Amino acid sequence: MTEETTFYVLKEKAVPEVLLRVVEAKRLLDSGKCRSVAEATDKVGISRSSFYKYKEDIFPFHDNAKGKTINMVIQLDDEPGLLSVVLKKVADYAANILTIHQSIPVNGVASLTLSVEVRKTTGDISQMIVGIEQITGIHYVKILSRE
């Protein structure tokens, strides 16, 4: 009997502190700033057992995204040029836009579905999404899937 794995995409504020500390401990080990698990876990304030329990189950979103397709929905105001600003932000991070679909605006708001290929040269996808969310006229950005 095989166990089915389900994945979730969460914003950082929804992740328990212990899991964020596991990610930080892994970063310290990977960067060479800590030489042992004991040193890294001590530095971030978690037990080694917590580290070992969760280390294979959590990673920053951008770490595992290269070569993948990210599908997202963006709700935005119906303003001239706003779509261009969003697409420019994607281009700034060197992601490849695969598909674009914008709905007909209702009450001055449209939904944009965007499929983006993450390449080796693509910057940090998490930062790209934050950058899109900060554009005036964007209501929200939701990740639908990562394939």
N, C-alpha and C. Protein backbone atom coordinates (compact mmCIF):
# COMPACT_ATOMS: atom_id res chain seq x y z
N MET A 1 0.85 -1.18 0.00
CA MET A 1 0.00 0.00 0.00
C MET A 1 0.89 1.24 0.00
N THR A 2 0.76 2.08 -1.01
CA THR A 2 1.56 3.30 -1.08
C THR A 2 0.77 4.47 -0.54
N GLU A 3 1.49 5.32 0.15
CA GLU A 3 0.87 6.51 0.72
C GLU A 3 0.89 7.63 -0.31
N GLU A 4 -0.25 8.24 -0.56
CA GLU A 4 -0.32 9.34 -1.51
C GLU A 4 0.17 10.61 -0.84
N THR A 5 1.00 11.36 -1.54
CA THR A 5 1.52 12.61 -1.02
C THR A 5 0.71 13.77 -1.57
N THR A 6 0.32 14.67 -0.70
CA THR A 6 -0.40 15.88 -1.08
C THR A 6 0.49 17.07 -0.75
N PHE A 7 0.58 18.03 -1.66
CA PHE A 7 1.39 19.21 -1.45
C PHE A 7 0.49 20.43 -1.29
N TYR A 8 0.96 21.39 -0.52
CA TYR A 8 0.25 22.65 -0.31
C TYR A 8 1.21 23.80 -0.51
N VAL A 9 0.73 24.90 -1.00
CA VAL A 9 1.52 26.12 -1.10
C VAL A 9 0.92 27.09 -0.10
N LEU A 10 1.75 27.55 0.83
CA LEU A 10 1.30 28.45 1.89
C LEU A 10 2.13 29.72 1.88
N LYS A 11 1.54 30.79 2.32
CA LYS A 11 2.33 31.98 2.57
C LYS A 11 3.07 31.79 3.89
N GLU A 12 4.20 32.45 4.03
CA GLU A 12 5.05 32.29 5.20
C GLU A 12 4.30 32.51 6.50
N LYS A 13 3.37 33.45 6.53
CA LYS A 13 2.67 33.76 7.78
C LYS A 13 1.79 32.60 8.25
N ALA A 14 1.48 31.64 7.36
CA ALA A 14 0.64 30.50 7.73
C ALA A 14 1.45 29.28 8.17
N VAL A 15 2.77 29.36 8.07
CA VAL A 15 3.63 28.22 8.40
C VAL A 15 4.05 28.30 9.86
N PRO A 16 3.92 27.19 10.61
CA PRO A 16 4.36 27.20 12.02
C PRO A 16 5.83 27.57 12.15
N GLU A 17 6.15 28.27 13.21
CA GLU A 17 7.51 28.77 13.45
C GLU A 17 8.55 27.66 13.41
N VAL A 18 8.25 26.49 13.94
CA VAL A 18 9.24 25.41 13.96
C VAL A 18 9.65 25.02 12.54
N LEU A 19 8.72 25.04 11.61
CA LEU A 19 9.05 24.68 10.23
C LEU A 19 9.92 25.75 9.57
N LEU A 20 9.66 27.00 9.87
CA LEU A 20 10.49 28.08 9.35
C LEU A 20 11.92 27.97 9.90
N ARG A 21 12.03 27.54 11.15
CA ARG A 21 13.36 27.37 11.75
C ARG A 21 14.10 26.18 11.14
N VAL A 22 13.36 25.15 10.75
CA VAL A 22 13.98 24.02 10.05
C VAL A 22 14.56 24.50 8.72
N VAL A 23 13.81 25.30 7.99
CA VAL A 23 14.30 25.85 6.73
C VAL A 23 15.56 26.68 6.96
N GLU A 24 15.56 27.48 8.00
CA GLU A 24 16.73 28.30 8.31
C GLU A 24 17.93 27.43 8.68
N ALA A 25 17.71 26.39 9.44
CA ALA A 25 18.80 25.48 9.81
C ALA A 25 19.37 24.81 8.55
N LYS A 26 18.51 24.40 7.65
CA LYS A 26 18.98 23.80 6.39
C LYS A 26 19.80 24.80 5.59
N ARG A 27 19.36 26.06 5.57
CA ARG A 27 20.11 27.09 4.85
C ARG A 27 21.49 27.29 5.45
N LEU A 28 21.56 27.30 6.78
CA LEU A 28 22.84 27.46 7.46
C LEU A 28 23.79 26.31 7.13
N LEU A 29 23.26 25.10 7.09
CA LEU A 29 24.08 23.94 6.75
C LEU A 29 24.52 23.98 5.30
N ASP A 30 23.61 24.31 4.39
CA ASP A 30 23.93 24.35 2.97
C ASP A 30 24.94 25.44 2.63
N SER A 31 24.88 26.54 3.35
CA SER A 31 25.80 27.65 3.08
C SER A 31 27.16 27.46 3.73
N GLY A 32 27.27 26.46 4.61
CA GLY A 32 28.54 26.23 5.31
C GLY A 32 28.73 27.10 6.53
N LYS A 33 27.73 27.89 6.90
CA LYS A 33 27.84 28.74 8.08
C LYS A 33 27.79 27.92 9.36
N CYS A 34 27.22 26.73 9.28
CA CYS A 34 27.22 25.77 10.39
C CYS A 34 27.75 24.45 9.85
N ARG A 35 28.55 23.78 10.68
CA ARG A 35 29.18 22.54 10.22
C ARG A 35 28.43 21.29 10.65
N SER A 36 27.53 21.42 11.59
CA SER A 36 26.80 20.24 12.07
C SER A 36 25.34 20.59 12.30
N VAL A 37 24.52 19.55 12.32
CA VAL A 37 23.09 19.74 12.59
C VAL A 37 22.92 20.31 13.99
N ALA A 38 23.72 19.81 14.94
CA ALA A 38 23.62 20.30 16.32
C ALA A 38 23.88 21.80 16.38
N GLU A 39 24.90 22.26 15.66
CA GLU A 39 25.23 23.69 15.65
C GLU A 39 24.11 24.51 15.00
N ALA A 40 23.58 24.03 13.88
CA ALA A 40 22.53 24.76 13.16
C ALA A 40 21.25 24.83 13.98
N THR A 41 20.86 23.70 14.58
CA THR A 41 19.61 23.69 15.35
C THR A 41 19.74 24.54 16.61
N ASP A 42 20.93 24.52 17.21
CA ASP A 42 21.16 25.36 18.38
C ASP A 42 21.06 26.84 18.00
N LYS A 43 21.61 27.18 16.86
CA LYS A 43 21.60 28.58 16.40
C LYS A 43 20.18 29.09 16.12
N VAL A 44 19.31 28.22 15.58
CA VAL A 44 17.95 28.66 15.25
C VAL A 44 16.95 28.37 16.36
N GLY A 45 17.37 27.64 17.39
CA GLY A 45 16.52 27.43 18.55
C GLY A 45 15.50 26.32 18.43
N ILE A 46 15.87 25.23 17.77
CA ILE A 46 14.99 24.06 17.71
C ILE A 46 15.78 22.82 18.12
N SER A 47 15.06 21.75 18.42
CA SER A 47 15.74 20.50 18.78
C SER A 47 16.18 19.78 17.50
N ARG A 48 17.19 18.93 17.66
CA ARG A 48 17.63 18.12 16.52
C ARG A 48 16.51 17.18 16.07
N SER A 49 15.72 16.68 17.00
CA SER A 49 14.63 15.78 16.62
C SER A 49 13.60 16.50 15.75
N SER A 50 13.32 17.77 16.04
CA SER A 50 12.41 18.54 15.18
C SER A 50 13.01 18.70 13.79
N PHE A 51 14.30 18.97 13.73
CA PHE A 51 14.97 19.14 12.45
C PHE A 51 14.85 17.86 11.62
N TYR A 52 15.19 16.74 12.21
CA TYR A 52 15.14 15.47 11.48
C TYR A 52 13.71 15.07 11.12
N LYS A 53 12.77 15.42 11.96
CA LYS A 53 11.38 15.07 11.70
C LYS A 53 10.85 15.78 10.45
N TYR A 54 11.24 17.04 10.24
CA TYR A 54 10.65 17.86 9.18
C TYR A 54 11.58 18.19 8.02
N LYS A 55 12.86 17.87 8.09
CA LYS A 55 13.82 18.36 7.11
C LYS A 55 13.51 17.95 5.67
N GLU A 56 12.89 16.80 5.46
CA GLU A 56 12.56 16.36 4.11
C GLU A 56 11.20 16.87 3.63
N ASP A 57 10.46 17.50 4.53
CA ASP A 57 9.08 17.88 4.20
C ASP A 57 8.87 19.36 3.97
N ILE A 58 9.89 20.19 4.19
CA ILE A 58 9.70 21.62 3.97
C ILE A 58 10.92 22.19 3.25
N PHE A 59 10.63 23.08 2.32
CA PHE A 59 11.68 23.75 1.56
C PHE A 59 11.10 25.04 1.02
N PRO A 60 11.94 26.05 0.82
CA PRO A 60 11.43 27.29 0.22
C PRO A 60 10.86 27.00 -1.16
N PHE A 61 9.83 27.69 -1.51
CA PHE A 61 9.13 27.46 -2.77
C PHE A 61 10.07 27.52 -3.97
N HIS A 62 10.97 28.49 -4.00
CA HIS A 62 11.85 28.67 -5.15
C HIS A 62 12.91 27.59 -5.27
N ASP A 63 13.25 26.90 -4.18
CA ASP A 63 14.29 25.89 -4.23
C ASP A 63 14.01 24.76 -5.22
N ASN A 64 12.76 24.41 -5.37
CA ASN A 64 12.42 23.23 -6.14
C ASN A 64 11.61 23.59 -7.38
N ALA A 65 11.67 24.84 -7.82
CA ALA A 65 10.77 25.28 -8.89
C ALA A 65 11.40 25.24 -10.28
N LYS A 66 12.71 25.20 -10.41
CA LYS A 66 13.35 25.26 -11.73
C LYS A 66 12.85 24.14 -12.63
N GLY A 67 12.57 24.49 -13.89
CA GLY A 67 12.09 23.50 -14.84
C GLY A 67 10.61 23.17 -14.68
N LYS A 68 9.92 23.93 -13.89
CA LYS A 68 8.51 23.67 -13.61
C LYS A 68 7.63 24.73 -14.26
N THR A 69 6.36 24.43 -14.32
CA THR A 69 5.36 25.40 -14.77
C THR A 69 4.54 25.82 -13.57
N ILE A 70 4.45 27.11 -13.35
CA ILE A 70 3.65 27.66 -12.27
C ILE A 70 2.38 28.25 -12.90
N ASN A 71 1.23 27.83 -12.40
CA ASN A 71 -0.04 28.37 -12.86
C ASN A 71 -0.62 29.23 -11.74
N MET A 72 -0.96 30.45 -12.08
CA MET A 72 -1.48 31.37 -11.06
C MET A 72 -2.67 32.15 -11.59
N VAL A 73 -3.47 32.61 -10.66
CA VAL A 73 -4.57 33.50 -11.00
C VAL A 73 -4.33 34.82 -10.29
N ILE A 74 -4.53 35.88 -11.01
CA ILE A 74 -4.30 37.22 -10.49
C ILE A 74 -5.58 38.02 -10.70
N GLN A 75 -6.08 38.61 -9.64
CA GLN A 75 -7.25 39.47 -9.77
C GLN A 75 -6.75 40.91 -9.83
N LEU A 76 -7.16 41.63 -10.87
CA LEU A 76 -6.63 42.97 -11.08
C LEU A 76 -7.71 43.93 -11.56
N ASP A 77 -7.47 45.21 -11.30
CA ASP A 77 -8.38 46.25 -11.77
C ASP A 77 -8.33 46.33 -13.29
N ASP A 78 -9.43 46.74 -13.89
CA ASP A 78 -9.51 46.94 -15.34
C ASP A 78 -8.97 48.33 -15.65
N GLU A 79 -7.65 48.43 -15.67
CA GLU A 79 -6.97 49.71 -15.93
C GLU A 79 -6.06 49.55 -17.14
N PRO A 80 -6.05 50.51 -18.05
CA PRO A 80 -5.16 50.42 -19.21
C PRO A 80 -3.70 50.28 -18.78
N GLY A 81 -3.02 49.33 -19.37
CA GLY A 81 -1.59 49.15 -19.10
C GLY A 81 -1.25 48.26 -17.91
N LEU A 82 -2.23 47.91 -17.09
CA LEU A 82 -1.92 47.11 -15.89
C LEU A 82 -1.43 45.71 -16.26
N LEU A 83 -2.03 45.09 -17.26
CA LEU A 83 -1.56 43.78 -17.70
C LEU A 83 -0.11 43.86 -18.16
N SER A 84 0.23 44.92 -18.87
CA SER A 84 1.62 45.11 -19.32
C SER A 84 2.59 45.20 -18.15
N VAL A 85 2.17 45.86 -17.08
CA VAL A 85 3.02 45.99 -15.89
C VAL A 85 3.26 44.62 -15.27
N VAL A 86 2.20 43.81 -15.19
CA VAL A 86 2.33 42.45 -14.64
C VAL A 86 3.27 41.62 -15.50
N LEU A 87 3.08 41.67 -16.81
CA LEU A 87 3.93 40.89 -17.71
C LEU A 87 5.37 41.36 -17.67
N LYS A 88 5.58 42.65 -17.49
CA LYS A 88 6.94 43.18 -17.35
C LYS A 88 7.60 42.63 -16.10
N LYS A 89 6.85 42.51 -15.01
CA LYS A 89 7.39 41.97 -13.76
C LYS A 89 7.85 40.53 -13.98
N VAL A 90 7.03 39.75 -14.69
CA VAL A 90 7.41 38.36 -15.00
C VAL A 90 8.68 38.34 -15.85
N ALA A 91 8.75 39.23 -16.84
CA ALA A 91 9.93 39.32 -17.71
C ALA A 91 11.17 39.75 -16.92
N ASP A 92 10.99 40.63 -15.94
CA ASP A 92 12.12 41.08 -15.11
C ASP A 92 12.78 39.91 -14.38
N TYR A 93 12.00 38.87 -14.08
CA TYR A 93 12.53 37.69 -13.38
C TYR A 93 12.94 36.59 -14.36
N ALA A 94 12.90 36.88 -15.66
CA ALA A 94 13.33 35.96 -16.72
C ALA A 94 12.53 34.65 -16.72
N ALA A 95 11.27 34.72 -16.34
CA ALA A 95 10.39 33.56 -16.45
C ALA A 95 9.76 33.59 -17.84
N ASN A 96 9.43 32.43 -18.36
CA ASN A 96 8.86 32.33 -19.69
C ASN A 96 7.33 32.20 -19.59
N ILE A 97 6.62 33.15 -20.18
CA ILE A 97 5.15 33.11 -20.14
C ILE A 97 4.68 32.11 -21.18
N LEU A 98 3.91 31.12 -20.72
CA LEU A 98 3.38 30.09 -21.62
C LEU A 98 1.97 30.40 -22.08
N THR A 99 1.09 30.78 -21.15
CA THR A 99 -0.28 31.12 -21.53
C THR A 99 -0.76 32.32 -20.71
N ILE A 100 -1.64 33.09 -21.34
CA ILE A 100 -2.28 34.23 -20.68
C ILE A 100 -3.76 34.17 -21.04
N HIS A 101 -4.59 34.27 -20.01
CA HIS A 101 -6.03 34.37 -20.26
C HIS A 101 -6.60 35.39 -19.29
N GLN A 102 -7.20 36.44 -19.84
CA GLN A 102 -7.84 37.45 -19.00
C GLN A 102 -9.33 37.42 -19.24
N SER A 103 -10.09 37.36 -18.15
CA SER A 103 -11.55 37.35 -18.27
C SER A 103 -12.05 38.75 -18.61
N ILE A 104 -13.30 38.80 -19.04
CA ILE A 104 -13.96 40.09 -19.26
C ILE A 104 -14.20 40.71 -17.89
N PRO A 105 -13.81 41.97 -17.70
CA PRO A 105 -13.98 42.61 -16.40
C PRO A 105 -15.44 42.70 -15.96
N VAL A 106 -15.66 42.46 -14.69
CA VAL A 106 -16.97 42.61 -14.07
C VAL A 106 -16.79 43.60 -12.92
N ASN A 107 -17.58 44.66 -12.93
CA ASN A 107 -17.47 45.71 -11.91
C ASN A 107 -16.05 46.26 -11.81
N GLY A 108 -15.38 46.38 -12.94
CA GLY A 108 -14.05 46.98 -12.98
C GLY A 108 -12.92 46.07 -12.53
N VAL A 109 -13.19 44.76 -12.36
CA VAL A 109 -12.15 43.83 -11.92
C VAL A 109 -12.14 42.63 -12.86
N ALA A 110 -10.92 42.21 -13.26
CA ALA A 110 -10.77 41.06 -14.15
C ALA A 110 -9.90 40.01 -13.47
N SER A 111 -10.05 38.77 -13.93
CA SER A 111 -9.19 37.68 -13.47
C SER A 111 -8.23 37.33 -14.59
N LEU A 112 -6.98 37.19 -14.23
CA LEU A 112 -5.93 36.84 -15.17
C LEU A 112 -5.37 35.48 -14.77
N THR A 113 -5.39 34.53 -15.69
CA THR A 113 -4.75 33.24 -15.44
C THR A 113 -3.47 33.22 -16.24
N LEU A 114 -2.38 32.92 -15.57
CA LEU A 114 -1.05 33.00 -16.16
C LEU A 114 -0.31 31.70 -15.90
N SER A 115 0.25 31.12 -16.95
CA SER A 115 1.13 29.95 -16.81
C SER A 115 2.54 30.41 -17.14
N VAL A 116 3.47 30.14 -16.24
CA VAL A 116 4.83 30.62 -16.36
C VAL A 116 5.79 29.45 -16.21
N GLU A 117 6.73 29.36 -17.15
CA GLU A 117 7.78 28.35 -17.05
C GLU A 117 8.95 28.94 -16.28
N VAL A 118 9.39 28.21 -15.27
CA VAL A 118 10.53 28.65 -14.46
C VAL A 118 11.78 28.02 -15.06
N ARG A 119 12.69 28.86 -15.52
CA ARG A 119 13.93 28.39 -16.15
C ARG A 119 15.10 28.51 -15.20
N LYS A 120 16.24 27.97 -15.61
CA LYS A 120 17.45 28.05 -14.78
C LYS A 120 17.85 29.49 -14.52
N THR A 121 17.55 30.36 -15.47
CA THR A 121 17.91 31.78 -15.34
C THR A 121 16.86 32.60 -14.60
N THR A 122 15.73 31.99 -14.27
CA THR A 122 14.64 32.70 -13.60
C THR A 122 15.06 33.06 -12.18
N GLY A 123 14.73 34.26 -11.77
CA GLY A 123 15.01 34.70 -10.40
C GLY A 123 14.10 34.00 -9.40
N ASP A 124 14.12 34.48 -8.20
CA ASP A 124 13.34 33.91 -7.10
C ASP A 124 11.84 34.12 -7.36
N ILE A 125 11.14 33.03 -7.61
CA ILE A 125 9.70 33.09 -7.94
C ILE A 125 8.90 33.70 -6.79
N SER A 126 9.28 33.39 -5.57
CA SER A 126 8.58 33.97 -4.42
C SER A 126 8.63 35.49 -4.46
N GLN A 127 9.79 36.03 -4.78
CA GLN A 127 9.94 37.48 -4.87
C GLN A 127 9.16 38.05 -6.05
N MET A 128 9.11 37.30 -7.15
CA MET A 128 8.33 37.74 -8.29
C MET A 128 6.85 37.88 -7.91
N ILE A 129 6.34 36.89 -7.19
CA ILE A 129 4.93 36.91 -6.79
C ILE A 129 4.67 38.07 -5.83
N VAL A 130 5.58 38.29 -4.89
CA VAL A 130 5.45 39.43 -3.98
C VAL A 130 5.47 40.74 -4.78
N GLY A 131 6.35 40.81 -5.76
CA GLY A 131 6.43 42.01 -6.60
C GLY A 131 5.14 42.27 -7.36
N ILE A 132 4.52 41.21 -7.87
CA ILE A 132 3.24 41.36 -8.57
C ILE A 132 2.16 41.81 -7.60
N GLU A 133 2.14 41.22 -6.39
CA GLU A 133 1.14 41.60 -5.39
C GLU A 133 1.23 43.07 -5.01
N GLN A 134 2.43 43.64 -5.10
CA GLN A 134 2.64 45.03 -4.68
C GLN A 134 2.30 46.05 -5.76
N ILE A 135 1.99 45.59 -6.96
CA ILE A 135 1.63 46.50 -8.04
C ILE A 135 0.26 47.12 -7.73
N THR A 136 0.16 48.43 -7.86
CA THR A 136 -1.11 49.12 -7.64
C THR A 136 -2.14 48.61 -8.64
N GLY A 137 -3.30 48.20 -8.11
CA GLY A 137 -4.37 47.67 -8.96
C GLY A 137 -4.49 46.16 -8.91
N ILE A 138 -3.53 45.49 -8.25
CA ILE A 138 -3.59 44.03 -8.08
C ILE A 138 -4.30 43.75 -6.77
N HIS A 139 -5.34 42.92 -6.83
CA HIS A 139 -6.08 42.56 -5.62
C HIS A 139 -5.44 41.38 -4.91
N TYR A 140 -5.08 40.34 -5.68
CA TYR A 140 -4.38 39.20 -5.08
C TYR A 140 -3.75 38.35 -6.18
N VAL A 141 -2.79 37.53 -5.75
CA VAL A 141 -2.15 36.53 -6.60
C VAL A 141 -2.26 35.20 -5.88
N LYS A 142 -2.77 34.19 -6.55
CA LYS A 142 -2.90 32.86 -5.96
C LYS A 142 -2.19 31.86 -6.87
N ILE A 143 -1.39 30.99 -6.28
CA ILE A 143 -0.76 29.90 -7.01
C ILE A 143 -1.80 28.79 -7.12
N LEU A 144 -2.12 28.40 -8.34
CA LEU A 144 -3.08 27.32 -8.55
C LEU A 144 -2.38 25.97 -8.54
N SER A 145 -1.23 25.90 -9.20
CA SER A 145 -0.51 24.62 -9.26
C SER A 145 0.94 24.86 -9.69
N ARG A 146 1.70 23.83 -9.44
CA ARG A 146 3.09 23.80 -9.90
C ARG A 146 3.29 22.42 -10.50
N GLU A 147 3.61 22.37 -11.77
CA GLU A 147 3.72 21.09 -12.47
C GLU A 147 5.15 20.81 -12.85
